[in-house]
Protein backbone atom coordinates (compact mmCIF):
# COMPACT_ATOMS: atom_id res chain seq x y z
CA MET A 1 96.62 63.13 102.18
CA ALA A 2 93.78 65.44 102.98
CA ILE A 3 93.66 69.40 103.29
CA ASN A 4 92.24 71.78 105.50
CA LEU A 5 91.49 75.36 104.98
CA GLY A 6 90.41 77.77 107.89
CA GLY A 7 89.90 74.09 109.88
CA ALA A 8 86.07 73.63 108.29
CA THR A 9 86.59 70.53 106.34
CA LEU A 10 88.85 68.17 105.04
CA LEU A 11 89.28 67.86 101.40
CA PRO A 12 90.70 63.92 100.09
CA LEU A 13 93.43 64.11 97.75
CA GLY A 14 93.14 61.35 95.03
CA ALA A 15 96.28 60.18 93.08
CA GLU A 16 95.47 62.26 90.42
CA ASP A 17 96.13 65.57 92.45
CA LYS A 18 99.85 64.60 93.44
CA SER A 19 103.14 63.98 91.41
CA ILE A 20 106.51 63.49 92.34
CA ASP A 21 109.95 64.90 91.07
CA VAL A 22 113.67 64.49 91.85
CA VAL A 23 115.52 68.23 91.79
CA LYS A 24 119.32 68.58 92.23
CA THR A 25 120.08 71.68 94.22
CA THR A 26 123.99 72.77 94.52
CA ALA A 27 125.16 75.02 97.48
CA GLY A 28 128.88 76.73 98.07
CA TYR A 29 130.63 73.74 99.96
CA PHE A 30 132.78 75.77 102.56
CA THR A 31 131.64 77.08 105.86
CA GLY A 32 128.60 79.81 105.44
CA ASN A 33 127.84 78.33 101.74
CA ALA A 34 131.36 79.65 100.06
CA GLY A 35 132.00 78.54 96.93
CA THR A 36 135.72 79.02 97.01
CA LEU A 37 138.30 78.64 99.81
CA LEU A 38 141.20 81.44 99.00
CA GLY A 39 144.76 80.20 99.76
CA THR A 40 145.48 83.43 102.09
CA ASN A 41 142.25 81.64 104.38
CA ILE A 42 143.89 78.12 104.47
CA HIS A 43 144.93 76.98 107.87
CA THR A 44 145.90 73.92 109.68
CA LYS A 45 144.01 72.29 112.69
CA SER A 46 145.76 70.60 115.66
CA LEU A 47 146.43 66.76 115.88
CA SER A 48 148.14 64.69 117.47
CA ALA A 49 151.67 63.41 116.23
CA ASP A 50 150.24 60.22 115.11
CA GLN A 51 147.59 61.48 113.34
CA SER A 52 149.72 64.22 111.37
CA LYS A 53 151.90 61.36 110.31
CA TYR A 54 148.97 60.31 107.99
CA TYR A 55 147.21 63.53 107.07
CA ALA A 56 146.37 67.26 107.61
CA ASP A 57 143.08 68.58 108.45
CA VAL A 58 142.17 72.35 107.23
CA VAL A 59 139.85 75.16 108.71
CA GLN A 60 139.00 78.40 106.90
CA THR A 61 140.41 80.75 109.48
CA HIS A 62 142.84 81.02 112.54
CA THR A 63 142.40 77.91 114.37
CA LEU A 64 141.94 80.12 117.71
CA SER A 65 138.89 81.69 116.28
CA SER A 66 135.45 80.27 117.27
CA SER A 67 134.02 79.95 113.99
CA ALA A 68 137.15 77.81 112.77
CA GLU A 69 135.28 74.68 111.33
CA SER A 70 136.85 71.62 109.41
CA GLN A 71 136.66 72.00 105.78
CA PHE A 72 138.93 69.10 104.41
CA SER A 73 141.83 67.07 104.78
CA VAL A 74 144.63 66.35 102.84
CA PHE A 75 147.18 63.34 102.86
CA TYR A 76 150.00 61.48 100.86
CA ALA A 77 150.02 58.21 99.89
CA HIS A 78 153.01 55.81 98.58
CA SER A 79 152.36 52.36 97.31
CA GLY A 80 156.13 51.39 99.02
CA GLY A 81 155.55 53.25 101.99
CA SER A 82 158.54 55.79 101.03
CA GLY A 83 157.86 59.01 103.31
CA SER A 84 157.20 57.12 106.33
CA ALA A 85 159.52 56.40 108.94
CA LEU A 86 160.12 52.66 108.16
CA ASN A 87 163.81 53.07 109.76
CA GLY A 88 164.89 50.52 107.24
CA THR A 89 162.71 47.67 108.40
CA SER A 90 160.58 46.53 105.08
CA SER A 91 157.91 44.25 107.60
CA ILE A 92 156.51 47.61 108.69
CA TYR A 93 153.80 49.36 107.22
CA GLY A 94 154.34 53.12 106.90
CA GLU A 95 151.49 55.49 107.24
CA THR A 96 151.93 56.29 103.28
CA GLN A 97 151.35 52.78 102.50
CA ALA A 98 148.29 52.69 104.69
CA MET A 99 146.88 55.39 103.14
CA TYR A 100 147.90 54.17 99.43
CA GLY A 101 146.28 50.57 100.54
CA GLN A 102 142.96 51.88 102.20
CA MET A 103 142.35 54.06 98.92
CA SER A 104 142.79 51.47 96.92
CA THR A 105 140.32 49.09 98.53
CA TYR A 106 137.71 51.61 98.89
CA LEU A 107 137.95 53.01 95.29
CA LEU A 108 138.85 50.16 93.16
CA ALA A 109 137.34 47.08 92.10
CA GLU A 110 138.79 43.88 93.79
CA ASN A 111 140.28 42.76 90.82
CA ASP A 112 142.09 46.24 90.29
CA VAL A 113 143.47 46.77 93.62
CA SER A 114 146.77 45.09 92.98
CA GLY A 115 147.07 47.31 90.17
CA GLY A 116 147.19 50.34 91.85
CA PHE A 117 146.19 53.76 90.54
CA LEU A 118 146.65 54.53 86.66
CA ILE A 119 146.03 58.37 87.03
CA SER A 120 148.92 59.39 84.63
CA ALA A 121 148.99 56.15 82.75
CA GLY A 122 145.46 56.02 81.87
CA ASP A 123 142.94 53.95 82.24
CA GLU A 124 139.51 53.25 81.06
CA GLY A 125 140.04 53.71 77.63
CA LEU A 126 141.80 56.69 78.36
CA THR A 127 145.42 57.01 77.62
CA PRO A 128 146.93 60.43 77.32
CA ALA A 129 149.30 61.19 74.90
CA SER A 130 151.85 63.35 77.01
CA ARG A 131 152.25 61.08 80.66
CA ALA A 132 154.57 61.27 82.92
CA GLN A 133 154.03 57.36 84.02
CA THR A 134 153.22 54.25 81.69
CA THR A 135 152.30 52.09 84.78
CA LYS A 136 150.74 52.70 88.13
CA ASP A 137 151.25 56.05 90.22
CA ASP A 138 152.75 55.03 93.14
CA GLU A 139 152.59 58.36 94.31
CA LEU A 140 149.36 60.20 95.15
CA TYR A 141 148.14 63.43 96.75
CA GLY A 142 144.74 63.35 97.90
CA ILE A 143 142.06 65.49 99.42
CA ILE A 144 138.95 63.75 101.09
CA PHE A 145 135.93 66.11 101.64
CA ASN A 146 133.47 66.04 104.49
CA ARG A 147 130.23 64.14 103.75
CA SER A 148 128.49 66.45 106.15
CA LYS A 149 129.24 69.47 103.57
CA TYR A 150 129.20 67.89 100.26
CA LYS A 151 125.75 66.03 100.81
CA ASP A 152 124.94 63.62 98.22
CA ARG A 153 127.93 64.36 95.94
CA VAL A 154 130.60 66.82 95.29
CA ASN A 155 129.10 68.71 92.11
CA THR A 156 131.07 67.84 88.88
CA GLY A 157 131.44 70.64 86.43
CA THR A 158 132.39 73.54 88.61
CA PHE A 159 135.09 71.85 90.91
CA SER A 160 138.49 73.47 89.93
CA MET A 161 141.96 74.40 92.27
CA THR A 162 144.85 76.54 91.30
CA LEU A 163 148.48 75.47 92.94
CA GLN A 164 151.35 77.73 93.17
CA GLY A 165 154.92 76.74 94.05
CA PHE A 166 157.95 76.85 92.66
CA ALA A 167 159.57 75.38 89.26
CA SER A 168 162.77 74.56 90.99
CA THR A 169 165.31 75.67 93.57
CA GLY A 170 165.82 79.36 93.61
CA GLY A 171 163.24 79.33 90.46
CA SER A 172 160.08 81.57 89.44
CA GLY A 173 157.08 80.61 90.82
CA SER A 174 154.90 78.28 89.10
CA THR A 175 151.22 78.37 88.67
CA LEU A 176 149.05 75.31 87.56
CA HIS A 177 144.99 75.44 87.13
CA LEU A 178 143.24 72.37 87.52
CA THR A 179 139.33 71.60 86.73
CA ASP A 180 137.14 68.69 86.06
CA ASP A 181 136.37 67.78 82.54
CA SER A 182 132.47 66.27 83.03
CA LYS A 183 131.63 69.23 80.82
CA THR A 184 132.98 67.25 77.75
CA VAL A 185 133.88 63.70 78.84
CA ALA A 186 131.19 61.51 80.28
CA PRO A 187 131.90 60.20 83.83
CA VAL A 188 132.95 56.84 84.44
CA SER A 189 131.03 54.72 86.76
CA THR A 190 132.96 52.73 89.69
CA VAL A 191 132.72 50.82 92.80
CA ALA A 192 132.66 54.17 94.65
CA GLY A 193 130.25 56.10 92.50
CA ASP A 194 131.12 58.24 89.18
CA ARG A 195 134.62 59.22 88.75
CA VAL A 196 135.81 62.13 86.63
CA ASN A 197 138.91 63.48 85.19
CA LEU A 198 141.21 66.42 86.62
CA VAL A 199 143.01 68.21 83.92
CA SER A 200 144.40 71.43 83.03
CA GLY A 201 141.91 74.53 82.96
CA SER A 202 139.61 76.26 85.54
CA ASP A 203 135.69 76.22 86.13
CA GLY A 204 135.11 73.26 84.10
CA ASN A 205 136.53 74.97 80.88
CA ILE A 206 139.41 72.60 79.90
CA SER A 207 142.52 74.22 78.22
CA ALA A 208 143.94 72.62 74.73
CA ALA A 209 146.47 70.44 77.27
CA ALA A 210 143.94 68.96 79.05
CA THR A 211 143.16 66.34 75.90
CA THR A 212 146.85 64.90 76.80
CA LYS A 213 147.38 65.08 79.99
CA ARG A 214 145.56 63.82 83.17
CA TYR A 215 146.66 65.21 86.51
CA GLY A 216 144.11 63.63 88.79
CA VAL A 217 140.67 62.23 89.26
CA LEU A 218 137.40 63.02 91.47
CA TYR A 219 135.17 60.44 92.83
CA ALA A 220 132.55 62.50 93.37
CA ASP A 221 130.08 60.26 95.32
CA ALA A 222 132.97 59.42 97.70
CA GLY A 223 134.05 63.05 98.10
CA ILE A 224 137.77 61.85 97.47
CA ALA A 225 140.14 63.93 95.25
CA LEU A 226 143.23 61.94 94.10
CA LEU A 227 146.23 63.44 92.16
CA SER A 228 149.50 61.89 90.60
CA GLY A 229 152.62 62.62 92.21
CA THR A 230 154.53 62.18 89.10
CA GLU A 231 152.38 64.51 86.99
CA LEU A 232 152.73 67.28 89.72
CA SER A 233 156.07 67.26 90.25
CA ALA A 234 156.74 67.08 86.72
CA SER A 235 154.72 70.83 86.68
CA ILE A 236 155.76 72.60 90.20
CA PRO A 237 158.88 70.17 91.55
CA GLY A 238 159.90 72.90 94.16
CA PRO A 239 163.30 73.31 95.86
CA ALA A 240 165.55 70.41 96.08
CA ASN A 241 165.34 68.69 99.48
CA SER A 242 168.12 67.09 101.29
CA PRO A 243 167.03 63.41 102.04
CA ASN A 244 165.89 64.20 106.03
CA VAL A 245 164.08 67.68 105.18
CA THR A 246 160.30 67.20 106.43
CA ALA A 247 157.48 69.58 104.66
CA SER A 248 156.26 71.95 106.60
CA PHE A 249 153.37 74.43 106.91
CA SER A 250 154.06 77.56 108.41
CA VAL A 251 152.78 81.05 108.52
CA THR A 252 156.07 82.34 107.09
CA ALA A 253 156.03 82.60 103.46
CA ALA A 254 160.02 81.82 103.36
CA THR A 255 159.81 78.92 105.78
CA ARG A 256 156.73 77.33 103.39
CA ALA A 257 158.51 77.82 100.22
CA THR A 258 161.16 75.20 101.17
CA SER A 259 158.33 72.63 100.47
CA SER A 260 156.04 74.40 97.91
CA GLY A 261 156.13 72.20 95.45
CA PHE A 262 155.74 67.99 94.46
CA ALA A 263 159.15 66.76 94.24
CA SER A 264 158.09 64.60 97.49
CA ASN A 265 160.97 63.36 100.10
CA LEU A 266 160.98 59.58 100.06
CA ASP A 267 163.11 59.39 102.73
CA THR A 268 162.24 56.13 105.24
CA VAL A 269 164.05 57.45 108.23
CA ASN A 270 161.72 60.41 109.19
CA ASN A 271 158.15 60.82 108.40
CA ALA A 272 158.51 63.18 105.49
CA GLN A 273 154.75 64.62 106.01
CA ASN A 274 154.36 64.54 102.16
CA HIS A 275 150.76 65.95 102.75
CA LEU A 276 151.97 69.30 103.58
CA ARG A 277 153.17 69.93 99.83
CA LEU A 278 149.82 69.65 98.53
CA LEU A 279 148.71 72.04 101.37
CA ASN A 280 151.50 74.19 100.97
CA CYS A 281 150.66 74.99 96.97
CA ILE A 282 146.66 75.33 97.82
CA LYS A 283 147.85 78.37 99.78
CA GLY A 284 150.18 79.47 96.81
CA SER A 285 153.76 80.38 97.17
CA SER A 286 152.24 84.00 97.14
CA GLY A 287 149.46 83.46 98.69
CA GLY A 288 147.47 83.14 94.85
CA GLY A 289 145.80 79.46 95.45
CA GLN A 290 142.09 78.41 95.78
CA ILE A 291 139.87 75.54 95.90
CA LYS A 292 136.56 75.91 94.40
CA VAL A 293 134.17 72.98 95.28
CA ARG A 294 130.04 73.12 95.15
CA SER A 295 128.12 70.29 96.76
CA GLU A 296 125.21 68.39 95.47
CA GLN A 297 122.08 67.36 96.89
CA ASP A 298 119.13 65.17 95.93
CA LYS A 299 115.89 66.73 96.96
CA ASN A 300 112.80 64.77 96.46
CA ARG A 301 109.89 67.45 95.48
CA LYS A 302 106.41 66.16 96.15
CA TYR A 303 103.24 68.33 94.30
CA HIS A 304 99.61 68.25 95.70
CA PHE A 305 97.29 70.15 93.77
CA CYS A 306 94.14 71.05 96.37
CA ARG A 307 91.03 71.96 94.53
CA ILE A 308 88.97 73.80 96.29
CA ASN A 309 84.91 73.30 94.66
CA PRO A 310 82.38 76.13 94.85
CA GLY A 311 80.40 74.48 97.86
CA ASP A 312 83.62 73.75 99.71
CA LEU A 313 85.30 75.49 102.87
CA ASN A 314 83.12 78.41 102.96
CA PHE A 315 82.82 78.63 106.62
CA SER A 316 85.01 79.36 109.18
CA ASN A 317 85.61 78.23 112.79
CA ASN A 318 86.73 82.00 114.11
CA PRO A 319 84.10 82.73 116.47
CA THR A 320 83.81 86.31 115.07
CA PHE A 321 82.38 84.81 111.93
CA THR A 322 78.96 84.22 113.73
CA SER A 323 77.27 86.01 116.51
CA GLY A 324 73.69 85.09 118.68
CA SER A 325 73.29 82.19 120.32
CA ARG A 326 72.07 80.36 117.27
CA ASN A 327 75.72 81.14 115.52
CA GLU A 328 73.76 82.81 112.56
CA LEU A 329 76.42 84.66 110.44
CA ARG A 330 77.31 87.94 111.90
CA HIS A 331 77.19 90.00 108.26
CA THR A 332 73.79 89.79 106.62
CA SER A 333 75.42 90.43 103.04
CA MET A 334 77.17 86.60 103.58
CA HIS A 335 73.29 85.02 103.97
CA GLY A 336 73.51 82.35 100.84
CA ASP A 337 77.00 83.24 99.72
CA PRO A 338 79.41 83.37 102.66
CA VAL A 339 82.76 84.76 101.62
CA VAL A 340 86.17 83.46 103.50
CA TYR A 341 89.51 84.13 102.78
CA ALA A 342 92.06 81.46 103.24
CA THR A 343 95.56 82.51 104.53
CA GLY A 344 97.39 79.07 105.43
CA ILE A 345 96.69 75.43 104.46
CA ASN A 346 97.26 72.44 106.68
CA MET A 347 97.94 69.19 105.28
CA TYR A 348 97.17 65.63 107.06
CA ASP A 349 98.02 62.03 106.39
CA VAL A 350 95.06 59.23 106.23
CA ASP A 351 95.35 59.20 110.30
CA GLY A 352 94.36 62.65 110.15
CA ASP A 353 97.84 63.63 111.85
CA LEU A 354 99.15 66.97 110.55
CA VAL A 355 102.19 66.40 108.15
CA ALA A 356 102.74 69.57 107.10
CA SER A 357 101.31 73.29 107.10
CA GLY A 358 102.61 76.38 105.28
CA LYS A 359 101.16 79.94 104.45
CA LEU A 360 100.00 81.45 101.12
CA SER A 361 101.23 84.21 99.69
CA LYS A 362 98.13 86.36 100.14
CA PRO A 363 94.92 85.69 100.91
CA LEU A 364 92.79 83.24 98.79
CA SER A 365 88.86 84.74 98.58
CA ASN A 366 86.53 81.77 98.19
CA ASN A 367 82.91 81.65 97.67
CA TYR A 368 80.34 79.88 95.85
CA GLY A 369 81.15 81.12 92.33
CA VAL A 370 84.71 80.25 92.58
CA VAL A 371 86.71 76.94 91.82
CA ALA A 372 90.24 77.40 93.34
CA ILE A 373 93.41 75.39 92.74
CA ILE A 374 96.43 75.79 95.35
CA LYS A 375 99.66 74.17 94.23
CA ALA A 376 101.48 73.01 97.31
CA VAL A 377 105.44 71.66 97.29
CA LEU A 378 106.98 69.28 99.62
CA ASP A 379 110.62 69.17 99.62
CA PHE A 380 112.18 66.18 101.16
């Protein structure tokens, strides 16, 4: 690597002139680097009839708007296929069962796949004192975040959700605040990367109840959050449903209320679209739901300390610097002690190819009586 100031001379850089570091940067996950998506801004993207049986795609504004952009997807999974249209045929692999199998294969170690997810019951040394399940979670609600938005991983310590629904038929509204506990509990290393718990609390600050109950887990590197259907329904069951009721997401709050809770429809005659229950509760029974997510990215930061000795780079290729047929210095005051002002720096590789260029914050005076060091920082 070499530097160039004013185009006069190339100065090679030695190993002692360089250092490298990794810097973690975070930003709001949602469109426009927003860190929060309010329930009032949640809309669903149009999907085909087959796609809508598996998941719903969320956009941050009305779908007819030119700025509508996919933010994340929500899904419902059941280990036995309940909530899917099996039509009484056990040999059919239902959509909800397919989702459960896909998550198990992707997120669990090979020898744990058959045992399923143990969110409520606890695993990896964690056994909540208060739990709705003592065996595996057959029901899961999940969120899949877009890789292009969460970068290297979902930032932990800041993830939180506010879910709103109804306690029961005709009952009052119920609110559940969830956050990850990575500020106090070390992440668990898994085949899909680090995993943290989703517990009661907000903005990374856990409540007292968080030490006894786990509602979900967040696989930060994979960008997937899983929630225990049993734990959620214990807190926000929602209105009781007849066997054939299909969850709906509507602009009309009264219509949404029929599926604003997690007491899922386990019917196997129709596709119940239970994933919309999670979406309705993020939106909120009164529009007060929300989700907070930040992205995290590792950037390699390389420092180059460019030393300019007194006798270096004291000339310029600018034609106004000299005059006459002999190219003598234009100003006699510079004879024997030329003064130049550097305004930019170019960096070249060993082949002489330009790899980086930048401007100094202010012109740098250079003459025979000055030693200057420019610190160039490259992020990549």
